[in-house]
């Protein structure tokens, strides 16, 4: 089985995606070094040019990037430090994603973090 690798173009694309999210503006492709090349690909294949890069990243890391609202609370836990703590995993598995976020921001989470060391 061939291992998926990220090219320089893929890394540049991922950097633009992160930059776009941080700036709160969706400009990831507008200023990209590969914009013209990707535009041609978009016109031929009718697919967003950054989707294959995100799929590659998902294959390499095992992190599900395209989570559905129905399964997000379980998918977000996969491969996390919480998954390695059975008591906490059981607690989180019964919570909504919003409740998980609130719990992670609370001081109560510190006892689990300290146990994991």
PDB file of N, CA and C in Angstrom:
ATOM      1  N   UNK A   1       0.840  -1.184   0.000  1.00  0.00           N
ATOM      2  CA  UNK A   1       0.000   0.000   0.000  1.00  0.00           C
ATOM      3  C   UNK A   1       0.884   1.247   0.000  1.00  0.00           C
ATOM      4  N   UNK A   2       0.668   2.113  -0.953  1.00  0.00           N
ATOM      5  CA  UNK A   2       1.465   3.333  -1.074  1.00  0.00           C
ATOM      6  C   UNK A   2       1.011   4.357  -0.041  1.00  0.00           C
ATOM      7  N   UNK A   3       1.989   4.944   0.641  1.00  0.00           N
ATOM      8  CA  UNK A   3       1.666   5.953   1.646  1.00  0.00           C
ATOM      9  C   UNK A   3       1.381   7.286   0.959  1.00  0.00           C
ATOM     10  N   UNK A   4       0.334   7.933   1.393  1.00  0.00           N
ATOM     11  CA  UNK A   4      -0.027   9.237   0.863  1.00  0.00           C
ATOM     12  C   UNK A   4       0.968  10.272   1.365  1.00  0.00           C
ATOM     13  N   UNK A   5       1.418  11.134   0.473  1.00  0.00           N
ATOM     14  CA  UNK A   5       2.348  12.196   0.842  1.00  0.00           C
ATOM     15  C   UNK A   5       1.794  13.540   0.400  1.00  0.00           C
ATOM     16  N   UNK A   6       2.134  14.561   1.151  1.00  0.00           N
ATOM     17  CA  UNK A   6       1.747  15.919   0.792  1.00  0.00           C
ATOM     18  C   UNK A   6       2.856  16.560  -0.029  1.00  0.00           C
ATOM     19  N   UNK A   7       2.480  17.152  -1.137  1.00  0.00           N
ATOM     20  CA  UNK A   7       3.443  17.856  -1.986  1.00  0.00           C
ATOM     21  C   UNK A   7       3.604  19.287  -1.473  1.00  0.00           C
ATOM     22  N   UNK A   8       4.537  20.008  -2.060  1.00  0.00           N
ATOM     23  CA  UNK A   8       4.722  21.417  -1.701  1.00  0.00           C
ATOM     24  C   UNK A   8       3.439  22.186  -2.011  1.00  0.00           C
ATOM     25  N   UNK A   9       2.801  21.846  -3.131  1.00  0.00           N
ATOM     26  CA  UNK A   9       1.543  22.494  -3.510  1.00  0.00           C
ATOM     27  C   UNK A   9       0.460  22.209  -2.465  1.00  0.00           C
ATOM     28  N   UNK A  10       0.393  20.968  -1.999  1.00  0.00           N
ATOM     29  CA  UNK A  10      -0.579  20.597  -0.964  1.00  0.00           C
ATOM     30  C   UNK A  10      -0.344  21.402   0.308  1.00  0.00           C
ATOM     31  N   UNK A  11       0.927  21.498   0.719  1.00  0.00           N
ATOM     32  CA  UNK A  11       1.256  22.246   1.936  1.00  0.00           C
ATOM     33  C   UNK A  11       0.906  23.719   1.789  1.00  0.00           C
ATOM     34  N   UNK A  12       1.165  24.272   0.614  1.00  0.00           N
ATOM     35  CA  UNK A  12       0.816  25.666   0.362  1.00  0.00           C
ATOM     36  C   UNK A  12      -0.696  25.861   0.461  1.00  0.00           C
ATOM     37  N   UNK A  13      -1.431  24.914  -0.098  1.00  0.00           N
ATOM     38  CA  UNK A  13      -2.893  24.963  -0.059  1.00  0.00           C
ATOM     39  C   UNK A  13      -3.386  24.900   1.389  1.00  0.00           C
ATOM     40  N   UNK A  14      -2.829  23.982   2.179  1.00  0.00           N
ATOM     41  CA  UNK A  14      -3.227  23.868   3.589  1.00  0.00           C
ATOM     42  C   UNK A  14      -2.906  25.138   4.363  1.00  0.00           C
ATOM     43  N   UNK A  15      -1.765  25.741   4.065  1.00  0.00           N
ATOM     44  CA  UNK A  15      -1.401  26.996   4.728  1.00  0.00           C
ATOM     45  C   UNK A  15      -2.406  28.094   4.382  1.00  0.00           C
ATOM     46  N   UNK A  16      -2.830  28.151   3.137  1.00  0.00           N
ATOM     47  CA  UNK A  16      -3.842  29.151   2.731  1.00  0.00           C
ATOM     48  C   UNK A  16      -5.192  28.879   3.398  1.00  0.00           C
ATOM     49  N   UNK A  17      -5.546  27.625   3.557  1.00  0.00           N
ATOM     50  CA  UNK A  17      -6.804  27.278   4.229  1.00  0.00           C
ATOM     51  C   UNK A  17      -6.755  27.758   5.675  1.00  0.00           C
ATOM     52  N   UNK A  18      -5.638  27.488   6.359  1.00  0.00           N
ATOM     53  CA  UNK A  18      -5.486  27.920   7.748  1.00  0.00           C
ATOM     54  C   UNK A  18      -5.488  29.439   7.829  1.00  0.00           C
ATOM     55  N   UNK A  19      -4.767  30.087   6.941  1.00  0.00           N
ATOM     56  CA  UNK A  19      -4.715  31.546   6.911  1.00  0.00           C
ATOM     57  C   UNK A  19      -6.115  32.129   6.700  1.00  0.00           C
ATOM     58  N   UNK A  20      -6.874  31.522   5.808  1.00  0.00           N
ATOM     59  CA  UNK A  20      -8.222  31.999   5.518  1.00  0.00           C
ATOM     60  C   UNK A  20      -9.121  31.884   6.745  1.00  0.00           C
ATOM     61  N   UNK A  21      -8.998  30.772   7.474  1.00  0.00           N
ATOM     62  CA  UNK A  21      -9.805  30.582   8.687  1.00  0.00           C
ATOM     63  C   UNK A  21      -9.409  31.585   9.762  1.00  0.00           C
ATOM     64  N   UNK A  22      -8.118  31.830   9.904  1.00  0.00           N
ATOM     65  CA  UNK A  22      -7.629  32.754  10.931  1.00  0.00           C
ATOM     66  C   UNK A  22      -8.034  34.193  10.635  1.00  0.00           C
ATOM     67  N   UNK A  23      -8.073  34.545   9.362  1.00  0.00           N
ATOM     68  CA  UNK A  23      -8.394  35.928   8.998  1.00  0.00           C
ATOM     69  C   UNK A  23      -9.904  36.170   8.938  1.00  0.00           C
ATOM     70  N   UNK A  24     -10.681  35.086   9.055  1.00  0.00           N
ATOM     71  CA  UNK A  24     -12.149  35.175   8.984  1.00  0.00           C
ATOM     72  C   UNK A  24     -12.639  35.633   7.607  1.00  0.00           C
ATOM     73  N   UNK A  25     -11.786  35.505   6.598  1.00  0.00           N
ATOM     74  CA  UNK A  25     -12.166  35.825   5.229  1.00  0.00           C
ATOM     75  C   UNK A  25     -11.909  34.588   4.375  1.00  0.00           C
ATOM     76  N   UNK A  26     -12.824  34.285   3.499  1.00  0.00           N
ATOM     77  CA  UNK A  26     -12.644  33.116   2.645  1.00  0.00           C
ATOM     78  C   UNK A  26     -11.913  33.535   1.373  1.00  0.00           C
ATOM     79  N   UNK A  27     -10.604  33.693   1.503  1.00  0.00           N
ATOM     80  CA  UNK A  27      -9.788  34.116   0.362  1.00  0.00           C
ATOM     81  C   UNK A  27      -8.722  33.084   0.020  1.00  0.00           C
ATOM     82  N   UNK A  28      -8.880  31.864   0.527  1.00  0.00           N
ATOM     83  CA  UNK A  28      -7.836  30.859   0.414  1.00  0.00           C
ATOM     84  C   UNK A  28      -7.279  30.681  -0.992  1.00  0.00           C
ATOM     85  N   UNK A  29      -8.107  30.732  -2.011  1.00  0.00           N
ATOM     86  CA  UNK A  29      -7.623  30.500  -3.368  1.00  0.00           C
ATOM     87  C   UNK A  29      -7.270  31.791  -4.117  1.00  0.00           C
ATOM     88  N   UNK A  30      -7.816  32.904  -3.707  1.00  0.00           N
ATOM     89  CA  UNK A  30      -7.625  34.142  -4.460  1.00  0.00           C
ATOM     90  C   UNK A  30      -6.173  34.574  -4.564  1.00  0.00           C
ATOM     91  N   UNK A  31      -5.403  34.411  -3.512  1.00  0.00           N
ATOM     92  CA  UNK A  31      -4.020  34.869  -3.493  1.00  0.00           C
ATOM     93  C   UNK A  31      -3.022  33.727  -3.535  1.00  0.00           C
ATOM     94  N   UNK A  32      -3.488  32.540  -3.770  1.00  0.00           N
ATOM     95  CA  UNK A  32      -2.633  31.356  -3.755  1.00  0.00           C
ATOM     96  C   UNK A  32      -1.660  31.358  -4.938  1.00  0.00           C
ATOM     97  N   UNK A  33      -0.479  30.861  -4.676  1.00  0.00           N
ATOM     98  CA  UNK A  33       0.561  30.738  -5.706  1.00  0.00           C
ATOM     99  C   UNK A  33       0.071  29.878  -6.873  1.00  0.00           C
ATOM    100  N   UNK A  34      -0.820  28.952  -6.608  1.00  0.00           N
ATOM    101  CA  UNK A  34      -1.270  28.000  -7.618  1.00  0.00           C
ATOM    102  C   UNK A  34      -2.681  28.319  -8.142  1.00  0.00           C
ATOM    103  N   UNK A  35      -3.152  29.525  -7.919  1.00  0.00           N
ATOM    104  CA  UNK A  35      -4.530  29.885  -8.268  1.00  0.00           C
ATOM    105  C   UNK A  35      -4.858  29.640  -9.740  1.00  0.00           C
ATOM    106  N   UNK A  36      -3.969  30.042 -10.637  1.00  0.00           N
ATOM    107  CA  UNK A  36      -4.246  29.890 -12.076  1.00  0.00           C
ATOM    108  C   UNK A  36      -4.285  28.412 -12.450  1.00  0.00           C
ATOM    109  N   UNK A  37      -3.327  27.661 -11.944  1.00  0.00           N
ATOM    110  CA  UNK A  37      -3.271  26.220 -12.207  1.00  0.00           C
ATOM    111  C   UNK A  37      -4.539  25.522 -11.687  1.00  0.00           C
ATOM    112  N   UNK A  38      -4.947  25.869 -10.482  1.00  0.00           N
ATOM    113  CA  UNK A  38      -6.128  25.248  -9.885  1.00  0.00           C
ATOM    114  C   UNK A  38      -7.413  25.683 -10.585  1.00  0.00           C
ATOM    115  N   UNK A  39      -7.432  26.920 -11.083  1.00  0.00           N
ATOM    116  CA  UNK A  39      -8.619  27.395 -11.804  1.00  0.00           C
ATOM    117  C   UNK A  39      -8.854  26.531 -13.040  1.00  0.00           C
ATOM    118  N   UNK A  40      -7.780  26.213 -13.748  1.00  0.00           N
ATOM    119  CA  UNK A  40      -7.900  25.355 -14.930  1.00  0.00           C
ATOM    120  C   UNK A  40      -8.439  23.977 -14.535  1.00  0.00           C
ATOM    121  N   UNK A  41      -7.923  23.444 -13.438  1.00  0.00           N
ATOM    122  CA  UNK A  41      -8.373  22.144 -12.944  1.00  0.00           C
ATOM    123  C   UNK A  41      -9.848  22.212 -12.537  1.00  0.00           C
ATOM    124  N   UNK A  42     -10.233  23.302 -11.885  1.00  0.00           N
ATOM    125  CA  UNK A  42     -11.624  23.502 -11.470  1.00  0.00           C
ATOM    126  C   UNK A  42     -12.557  23.534 -12.676  1.00  0.00           C
ATOM    127  N   UNK A  43     -12.144  24.220 -13.707  1.00  0.00           N
ATOM    128  CA  UNK A  43     -12.980  24.340 -14.903  1.00  0.00           C
ATOM    129  C   UNK A  43     -13.150  22.968 -15.592  1.00  0.00           C
ATOM    130  N   UNK A  44     -12.111  22.151 -15.553  1.00  0.00           N
ATOM    131  CA  UNK A  44     -12.180  20.843 -16.210  1.00  0.00           C
ATOM    132  C   UNK A  44     -12.928  19.812 -15.364  1.00  0.00           C
ATOM    133  N   UNK A  45     -12.643  19.785 -14.060  1.00  0.00           N
ATOM    134  CA  UNK A  45     -13.190  18.731 -13.200  1.00  0.00           C
ATOM    135  C   UNK A  45     -14.419  19.147 -12.397  1.00  0.00           C
ATOM    136  N   UNK A  46     -14.711  20.442 -12.344  1.00  0.00           N
ATOM    137  CA  UNK A  46     -15.878  20.970 -11.616  1.00  0.00           C
ATOM    138  C   UNK A  46     -15.859  20.603 -10.134  1.00  0.00           C
ATOM    139  N   UNK A  47     -14.639  20.512  -9.553  1.00  0.00           N
ATOM    140  CA  UNK A  47     -14.495  20.222  -8.132  1.00  0.00           C
ATOM    141  C   UNK A  47     -13.643  21.295  -7.487  1.00  0.00           C
ATOM    142  N   UNK A  48     -13.946  21.619  -6.232  1.00  0.00           N
ATOM    143  CA  UNK A  48     -13.146  22.592  -5.510  1.00  0.00           C
ATOM    144  C   UNK A  48     -11.714  22.080  -5.404  1.00  0.00           C
ATOM    145  N   UNK A  49     -10.732  22.890  -5.758  1.00  0.00           N
ATOM    146  CA  UNK A  49      -9.349  22.406  -5.836  1.00  0.00           C
ATOM    147  C   UNK A  49      -8.734  21.987  -4.506  1.00  0.00           C
ATOM    148  N   UNK A  50      -9.230  22.505  -3.405  1.00  0.00           N
ATOM    149  CA  UNK A  50      -8.633  22.170  -2.115  1.00  0.00           C
ATOM    150  C   UNK A  50      -9.236  20.919  -1.474  1.00  0.00           C
ATOM    151  N   UNK A  51     -10.309  20.391  -2.006  1.00  0.00           N
ATOM    152  CA  UNK A  51     -10.931  19.203  -1.423  1.00  0.00           C
ATOM    153  C   UNK A  51     -10.011  17.974  -1.474  1.00  0.00           C
ATOM    154  N   UNK A  52      -9.324  17.701  -2.582  1.00  0.00           N
ATOM    155  CA  UNK A  52      -8.407  16.552  -2.587  1.00  0.00           C
ATOM    156  C   UNK A  52      -7.276  16.691  -1.563  1.00  0.00           C
ATOM    157  N   UNK A  53      -6.830  17.914  -1.325  1.00  0.00           N
ATOM    158  CA  UNK A  53      -5.776  18.145  -0.335  1.00  0.00           C
ATOM    159  C   UNK A  53      -6.295  17.803   1.059  1.00  0.00           C
ATOM    160  N   UNK A  54      -7.505  18.217   1.365  1.00  0.00           N
ATOM    161  CA  UNK A  54      -8.092  17.914   2.666  1.00  0.00           C
ATOM    162  C   UNK A  54      -8.323  16.405   2.815  1.00  0.00           C
ATOM    163  N   UNK A  55      -8.700  15.748   1.734  1.00  0.00           N
ATOM    164  CA  UNK A  55      -8.873  14.293   1.774  1.00  0.00           C
ATOM    165  C   UNK A  55      -7.531  13.604   2.033  1.00  0.00           C
ATOM    166  N   UNK A  56      -6.453  14.093   1.401  1.00  0.00           N
ATOM    167  CA  UNK A  56      -5.117  13.543   1.636  1.00  0.00           C
ATOM    168  C   UNK A  56      -4.732  13.691   3.106  1.00  0.00           C
ATOM    169  N   UNK A  57      -4.982  14.873   3.643  1.00  0.00           N
ATOM    170  CA  UNK A  57      -4.656  15.131   5.046  1.00  0.00           C
ATOM    171  C   UNK A  57      -5.418  14.176   5.961  1.00  0.00           C
ATOM    172  N   UNK A  58      -6.670  13.935   5.621  1.00  0.00           N
ATOM    173  CA  UNK A  58      -7.490  13.003   6.401  1.00  0.00           C
ATOM    174  C   UNK A  58      -6.912  11.588   6.334  1.00  0.00           C
ATOM    175  N   UNK A  59      -6.455  11.164   5.150  1.00  0.00           N
ATOM    176  CA  UNK A  59      -5.863   9.835   4.996  1.00  0.00           C
ATOM    177  C   UNK A  59      -4.580   9.703   5.807  1.00  0.00           C
ATOM    178  N   UNK A  60      -3.762  10.732   5.818  1.00  0.00           N
ATOM    179  CA  UNK A  60      -2.481  10.694   6.522  1.00  0.00           C
ATOM    180  C   UNK A  60      -2.675  10.698   8.031  1.00  0.00           C
ATOM    181  N   UNK A  61      -3.567  11.554   8.520  1.00  0.00           N
ATOM    182  CA  UNK A  61      -3.715  11.744   9.966  1.00  0.00           C
ATOM    183  C   UNK A  61      -4.772  10.855  10.599  1.00  0.00           C
ATOM    184  N   UNK A  62      -5.745  10.411   9.819  1.00  0.00           N
ATOM    185  CA  UNK A  62      -6.861   9.656  10.382  1.00  0.00           C
ATOM    186  C   UNK A  62      -7.898  10.546  11.043  1.00  0.00           C
ATOM    187  N   UNK A  63      -7.713  11.856  10.951  1.00  0.00           N
ATOM    188  CA  UNK A  63      -8.652  12.803  11.540  1.00  0.00           C
ATOM    189  C   UNK A  63      -9.746  13.091  10.518  1.00  0.00           C
ATOM    190  N   UNK A  64     -11.004  12.831  10.903  1.00  0.00           N
ATOM    191  CA  UNK A  64     -12.135  13.051  10.010  1.00  0.00           C
ATOM    192  C   UNK A  64     -12.400  14.544   9.902  1.00  0.00           C
ATOM    193  N   UNK A  65     -12.106  15.111   8.760  1.00  0.00           N
ATOM    194  CA  UNK A  65     -12.253  16.549   8.550  1.00  0.00           C
ATOM    195  C   UNK A  65     -13.699  16.918   8.217  1.00  0.00           C
ATOM    196  N   UNK A  66     -14.401  16.052   7.532  1.00  0.00           N
ATOM    197  CA  UNK A  66     -15.752  16.352   7.065  1.00  0.00           C
ATOM    198  C   UNK A  66     -16.786  15.649   7.931  1.00  0.00           C
ATOM    199  N   UNK A  67     -16.913  16.105   9.165  1.00  0.00           N
ATOM    200  CA  UNK A  67     -17.818  15.470  10.118  1.00  0.00           C
ATOM    201  C   UNK A  67     -19.246  15.971   9.920  1.00  0.00           C
ATOM    202  N   UNK A  68     -20.193  15.066  10.096  1.00  0.00           N
ATOM    203  CA  UNK A  68     -21.590  15.474  10.023  1.00  0.00           C
ATOM    204  C   UNK A  68     -22.035  15.971  11.398  1.00  0.00           C
ATOM    205  N   UNK A  69     -23.050  16.776  11.429  1.00  0.00           N
ATOM    206  CA  UNK A  69     -23.553  17.297  12.703  1.00  0.00           C
ATOM    207  C   UNK A  69     -24.082  16.177  13.599  1.00  0.00           C
ATOM    208  N   UNK A  70     -24.536  15.082  13.002  1.00  0.00           N
ATOM    209  CA  UNK A  70     -25.078  13.969  13.792  1.00  0.00           C
ATOM    210  C   UNK A  70     -23.987  13.151  14.467  1.00  0.00           C
ATOM    211  N   UNK A  71     -22.807  13.095  13.867  1.00  0.00           N
ATOM    212  CA  UNK A  71     -21.750  12.231  14.391  1.00  0.00           C
ATOM    213  C   UNK A  71     -20.555  12.991  14.945  1.00  0.00           C
ATOM    214  N   UNK A  72     -20.590  14.300  14.939  1.00  0.00           N
ATOM    215  CA  UNK A  72     -19.425  15.105  15.321  1.00  0.00           C
ATOM    216  C   UNK A  72     -18.906  14.791  16.715  1.00  0.00           C
ATOM    217  N   UNK A  73     -19.794  14.594  17.704  1.00  0.00           N
ATOM    218  CA  UNK A  73     -19.311  14.399  19.073  1.00  0.00           C
ATOM    219  C   UNK A  73     -18.495  13.121  19.223  1.00  0.00           C
ATOM    220  N   UNK A  74     -18.738  12.102  18.395  1.00  0.00           N
ATOM    221  CA  UNK A  74     -17.950  10.875  18.466  1.00  0.00           C
ATOM    222  C   UNK A  74     -16.714  10.962  17.568  1.00  0.00           C
ATOM    223  N   UNK A  75     -16.874  11.504  16.374  1.00  0.00           N
ATOM    224  CA  UNK A  75     -15.767  11.571  15.421  1.00  0.00           C
ATOM    225  C   UNK A  75     -14.642  12.479  15.905  1.00  0.00           C
ATOM    226  N   UNK A  76     -14.979  13.522  16.612  1.00  0.00           N
ATOM    227  CA  UNK A  76     -13.964  14.477  17.066  1.00  0.00           C
ATOM    228  C   UNK A  76     -13.079  13.858  18.153  1.00  0.00           C
ATOM    229  N   UNK A  77     -13.580  12.821  18.820  1.00  0.00           N
ATOM    230  CA  UNK A  77     -12.821  12.166  19.888  1.00  0.00           C
ATOM    231  C   UNK A  77     -11.799  11.162  19.354  1.00  0.00           C
ATOM    232  N   UNK A  78     -11.992  10.677  18.134  1.00  0.00           N
ATOM    233  CA  UNK A  78     -11.108   9.655  17.567  1.00  0.00           C
ATOM    234  C   UNK A  78      -9.675  10.162  17.490  1.00  0.00           C
ATOM    235  N   UNK A  79      -8.756   9.393  18.081  1.00  0.00           N
ATOM    236  CA  UNK A  79      -7.343   9.755  18.044  1.00  0.00           C
ATOM    237  C   UNK A  79      -6.945  10.838  19.031  1.00  0.00           C
ATOM    238  N   UNK A  80      -7.843  11.227  19.908  1.00  0.00           N
ATOM    239  CA  UNK A  80      -7.544  12.299  20.861  1.00  0.00           C
ATOM    240  C   UNK A  80      -7.005  11.742  22.170  1.00  0.00           C
ATOM    241  N   UNK A  81      -6.520  12.602  23.021  1.00  0.00           N
ATOM    242  CA  UNK A  81      -6.057  12.185  24.350  1.00  0.00           C
ATOM    243  C   UNK A  81      -7.223  11.690  25.194  1.00  0.00           C
ATOM    244  N   UNK A  82      -8.411  12.163  24.899  1.00  0.00           N
ATOM    245  CA  UNK A  82      -9.614  11.742  25.633  1.00  0.00           C
ATOM    246  C   UNK A  82      -9.909  10.276  25.353  1.00  0.00           C
ATOM    247  N   UNK A  83      -9.662   9.853  24.134  1.00  0.00           N
ATOM    248  CA  UNK A  83      -9.908   8.464  23.740  1.00  0.00           C
ATOM    249  C   UNK A  83      -9.058   7.496  24.584  1.00  0.00           C
ATOM    250  N   UNK A  84      -7.917   7.962  25.069  1.00  0.00           N
ATOM    251  CA  UNK A  84      -7.023   7.120  25.860  1.00  0.00           C
ATOM    252  C   UNK A  84      -7.402   7.085  27.335  1.00  0.00           C
ATOM    253  N   UNK A  85      -8.434   7.822  27.713  1.00  0.00           N
ATOM    254  CA  UNK A  85      -8.902   7.855  29.101  1.00  0.00           C
ATOM    255  C   UNK A  85     -10.326   7.302  29.112  1.00  0.00           C
ATOM    256  N   UNK A  86     -10.504   6.005  29.377  1.00  0.00           N
ATOM    257  CA  UNK A  86     -11.814   5.343  29.258  1.00  0.00           C
ATOM    258  C   UNK A  86     -12.943   6.017  30.038  1.00  0.00           C
ATOM    259  N   UNK A  87     -12.647   6.475  31.255  1.00  0.00           N
ATOM    260  CA  UNK A  87     -13.674   7.121  32.076  1.00  0.00           C
ATOM    261  C   UNK A  87     -14.161   8.420  31.414  1.00  0.00           C
ATOM    262  N   UNK A  88     -13.219   9.188  30.932  1.00  0.00           N
ATOM    263  CA  UNK A  88     -13.557  10.456  30.284  1.00  0.00           C
ATOM    264  C   UNK A  88     -14.228  10.221  28.930  1.00  0.00           C
ATOM    265  N   UNK A  89     -13.755   9.226  28.194  1.00  0.00           N
ATOM    266  CA  UNK A  89     -14.355   8.898  26.901  1.00  0.00           C
ATOM    267  C   UNK A  89     -15.821   8.518  27.068  1.00  0.00           C
ATOM    268  N   UNK A  90     -16.117   7.729  28.092  1.00  0.00           N
ATOM    269  CA  UNK A  90     -17.501   7.334  28.359  1.00  0.00           C
ATOM    270  C   UNK A  90     -18.357   8.554  28.676  1.00  0.00           C
ATOM    271  N   UNK A  91     -17.822   9.459  29.477  1.00  0.00           N
ATOM    272  CA  UNK A  91     -18.525  10.686  29.835  1.00  0.00           C
ATOM    273  C   UNK A  91     -18.792  11.537  28.588  1.00  0.00           C
ATOM    274  N   UNK A  92     -17.758  11.717  27.761  1.00  0.00           N
ATOM    275  CA  UNK A  92     -17.880  12.553  26.561  1.00  0.00           C
ATOM    276  C   UNK A  92     -18.793  11.935  25.515  1.00  0.00           C
ATOM    277  N   UNK A  93     -18.804  10.609  25.416  1.00  0.00           N
ATOM    278  CA  UNK A  93     -19.621   9.940  24.406  1.00  0.00           C
ATOM    279  C   UNK A  93     -21.116  10.197  24.602  1.00  0.00           C
ATOM    280  N   UNK A  94     -21.517  10.509  25.822  1.00  0.00           N
ATOM    281  CA  UNK A  94     -22.922  10.792  26.102  1.00  0.00           C
ATOM    282  C   UNK A  94     -23.289  12.269  25.998  1.00  0.00           C
ATOM    283  N   UNK A  95     -22.304  13.124  25.686  1.00  0.00           N
ATOM    284  CA  UNK A  95     -22.553  14.576  25.622  1.00  0.00           C
ATOM    285  C   UNK A  95     -22.729  15.043  24.185  1.00  0.00           C
ATOM    286  N   UNK A  96     -23.408  16.154  24.046  1.00  0.00           N
ATOM    287  CA  UNK A  96     -23.452  16.819  22.743  1.00  0.00           C
ATOM    288  C   UNK A  96     -22.103  17.485  22.522  1.00  0.00           C
ATOM    289  N   UNK A  97     -21.828  17.875  21.298  1.00  0.00           N
ATOM    290  CA  UNK A  97     -20.568  18.552  20.992  1.00  0.00           C
ATOM    291  C   UNK A  97     -20.464  19.861  21.774  1.00  0.00           C
ATOM    292  N   UNK A  98     -21.545  20.606  21.868  1.00  0.00           N
ATOM    293  CA  UNK A  98     -21.551  21.872  22.620  1.00  0.00           C
ATOM    294  C   UNK A  98     -21.227  21.630  24.097  1.00  0.00           C
ATOM    295  N   UNK A  99     -21.781  20.562  24.674  1.00  0.00           N
ATOM    296  CA  UNK A  99     -21.504  20.230  26.073  1.00  0.00           C
ATOM    297  C   UNK A  99     -20.049  19.811  26.257  1.00  0.00           C
ATOM    298  N   UNK A 100     -19.494  19.100  25.269  1.00  0.00           N
ATOM    299  CA  UNK A 100     -18.084  18.721  25.330  1.00  0.00           C
ATOM    300  C   UNK A 100     -17.203  19.967  25.389  1.00  0.00           C
ATOM    301  N   UNK A 101     -17.499  20.928  24.544  1.00  0.00           N
ATOM    302  CA  UNK A 101     -16.721  22.172  24.506  1.00  0.00           C
ATOM    303  C   UNK A 101     -16.792  22.881  25.858  1.00  0.00           C
ATOM    304  N   UNK A 102     -17.974  22.981  26.424  1.00  0.00           N
ATOM    305  CA  UNK A 102     -18.130  23.624  27.745  1.00  0.00           C
ATOM    306  C   UNK A 102     -17.317  22.888  28.803  1.00  0.00           C
ATOM    307  N   UNK A 103     -17.354  21.556  28.782  1.00  0.00           N
ATOM    308  CA  UNK A 103     -16.619  20.768  29.767  1.00  0.00           C
ATOM    309  C   UNK A 103     -15.108  20.953  29.604  1.00  0.00           C
ATOM    310  N   UNK A 104     -14.644  21.013  28.366  1.00  0.00           N
ATOM    311  CA  UNK A 104     -13.216  21.210  28.120  1.00  0.00           C
ATOM    312  C   UNK A 104     -12.729  22.566  28.622  1.00  0.00           C
ATOM    313  N   UNK A 105     -13.616  23.543  28.657  1.00  0.00           N
ATOM    314  CA  UNK A 105     -13.260  24.888  29.134  1.00  0.00           C
ATOM    315  C   UNK A 105     -13.375  25.020  30.648  1.00  0.00           C
ATOM    316  N   UNK A 106     -13.977  24.026  31.298  1.00  0.00           N
ATOM    317  CA  UNK A 106     -14.180  24.105  32.747  1.00  0.00           C
ATOM    318  C   UNK A 106     -12.932  23.646  33.497  1.00  0.00           C
ATOM    319  N   UNK A 107     -12.858  24.011  34.750  1.00  0.00           N
ATOM    320  CA  UNK A 107     -11.722  23.606  35.595  1.00  0.00           C
ATOM    321  C   UNK A 107     -11.752  22.113  35.895  1.00  0.00           C
ATOM    322  N   UNK A 108     -12.918  21.486  35.804  1.00  0.00           N
ATOM    323  CA  UNK A 108     -13.050  20.054  36.092  1.00  0.00           C
ATOM    324  C   UNK A 108     -12.181  19.192  35.174  1.00  0.00           C
ATOM    325  N   UNK A 109     -11.861  19.701  34.007  1.00  0.00           N
ATOM    326  CA  UNK A 109     -11.073  18.916  33.054  1.00  0.00           C
ATOM    327  C   UNK A 109      -9.645  18.716  33.555  1.00  0.00           C
ATOM    328  N   UNK A 110      -9.175  19.598  34.428  1.00  0.00           N
ATOM    329  CA  UNK A 110      -7.787  19.534  34.900  1.00  0.00           C
ATOM    330  C   UNK A 110      -7.460  18.237  35.631  1.00  0.00           C
ATOM    331  N   UNK A 111      -8.414  17.689  36.343  1.00  0.00           N
ATOM    332  CA  UNK A 111      -8.129  16.434  37.067  1.00  0.00           C
ATOM    333  C   UNK A 111      -7.827  15.299  36.094  1.00  0.00           C
ATOM    334  N   UNK A 112      -8.473  15.301  34.927  1.00  0.00           N
ATOM    335  CA  UNK A 112      -8.230  14.279  33.928  1.00  0.00           C
ATOM    336  C   UNK A 112      -6.891  14.509  33.223  1.00  0.00           C
ATOM    337  N   UNK A 113      -6.566  15.757  32.985  1.00  0.00           N
ATOM    338  CA  UNK A 113      -5.298  16.095  32.342  1.00  0.00           C
ATOM    339  C   UNK A 113      -4.140  15.658  33.234  1.00  0.00           C
ATOM    340  N   UNK A 114      -4.246  15.913  34.520  1.00  0.00           N
ATOM    341  CA  UNK A 114      -3.190  15.546  35.467  1.00  0.00           C
ATOM    342  C   UNK A 114      -3.064  14.033  35.598  1.00  0.00           C
ATOM    343  N   UNK A 115      -4.178  13.309  35.504  1.00  0.00           N
ATOM    344  CA  UNK A 115      -4.141  11.844  35.571  1.00  0.00           C
ATOM    345  C   UNK A 115      -3.412  11.241  34.375  1.00  0.00           C
ATOM    346  N   UNK A 116      -3.549  11.900  33.233  1.00  0.00           N
ATOM    347  CA  UNK A 116      -2.981  11.386  31.990  1.00  0.00           C
ATOM    348  C   UNK A 116      -1.472  11.507  31.902  1.00  0.00           C
ATOM    349  N   UNK A 117      -0.839  12.248  32.802  1.00  0.00           N
ATOM    350  CA  UNK A 117       0.622  12.444  32.730  1.00  0.00           C
ATOM    351  C   UNK A 117       1.388  11.272  33.270  1.00  0.00           C
TER     352      UNK A 117
END
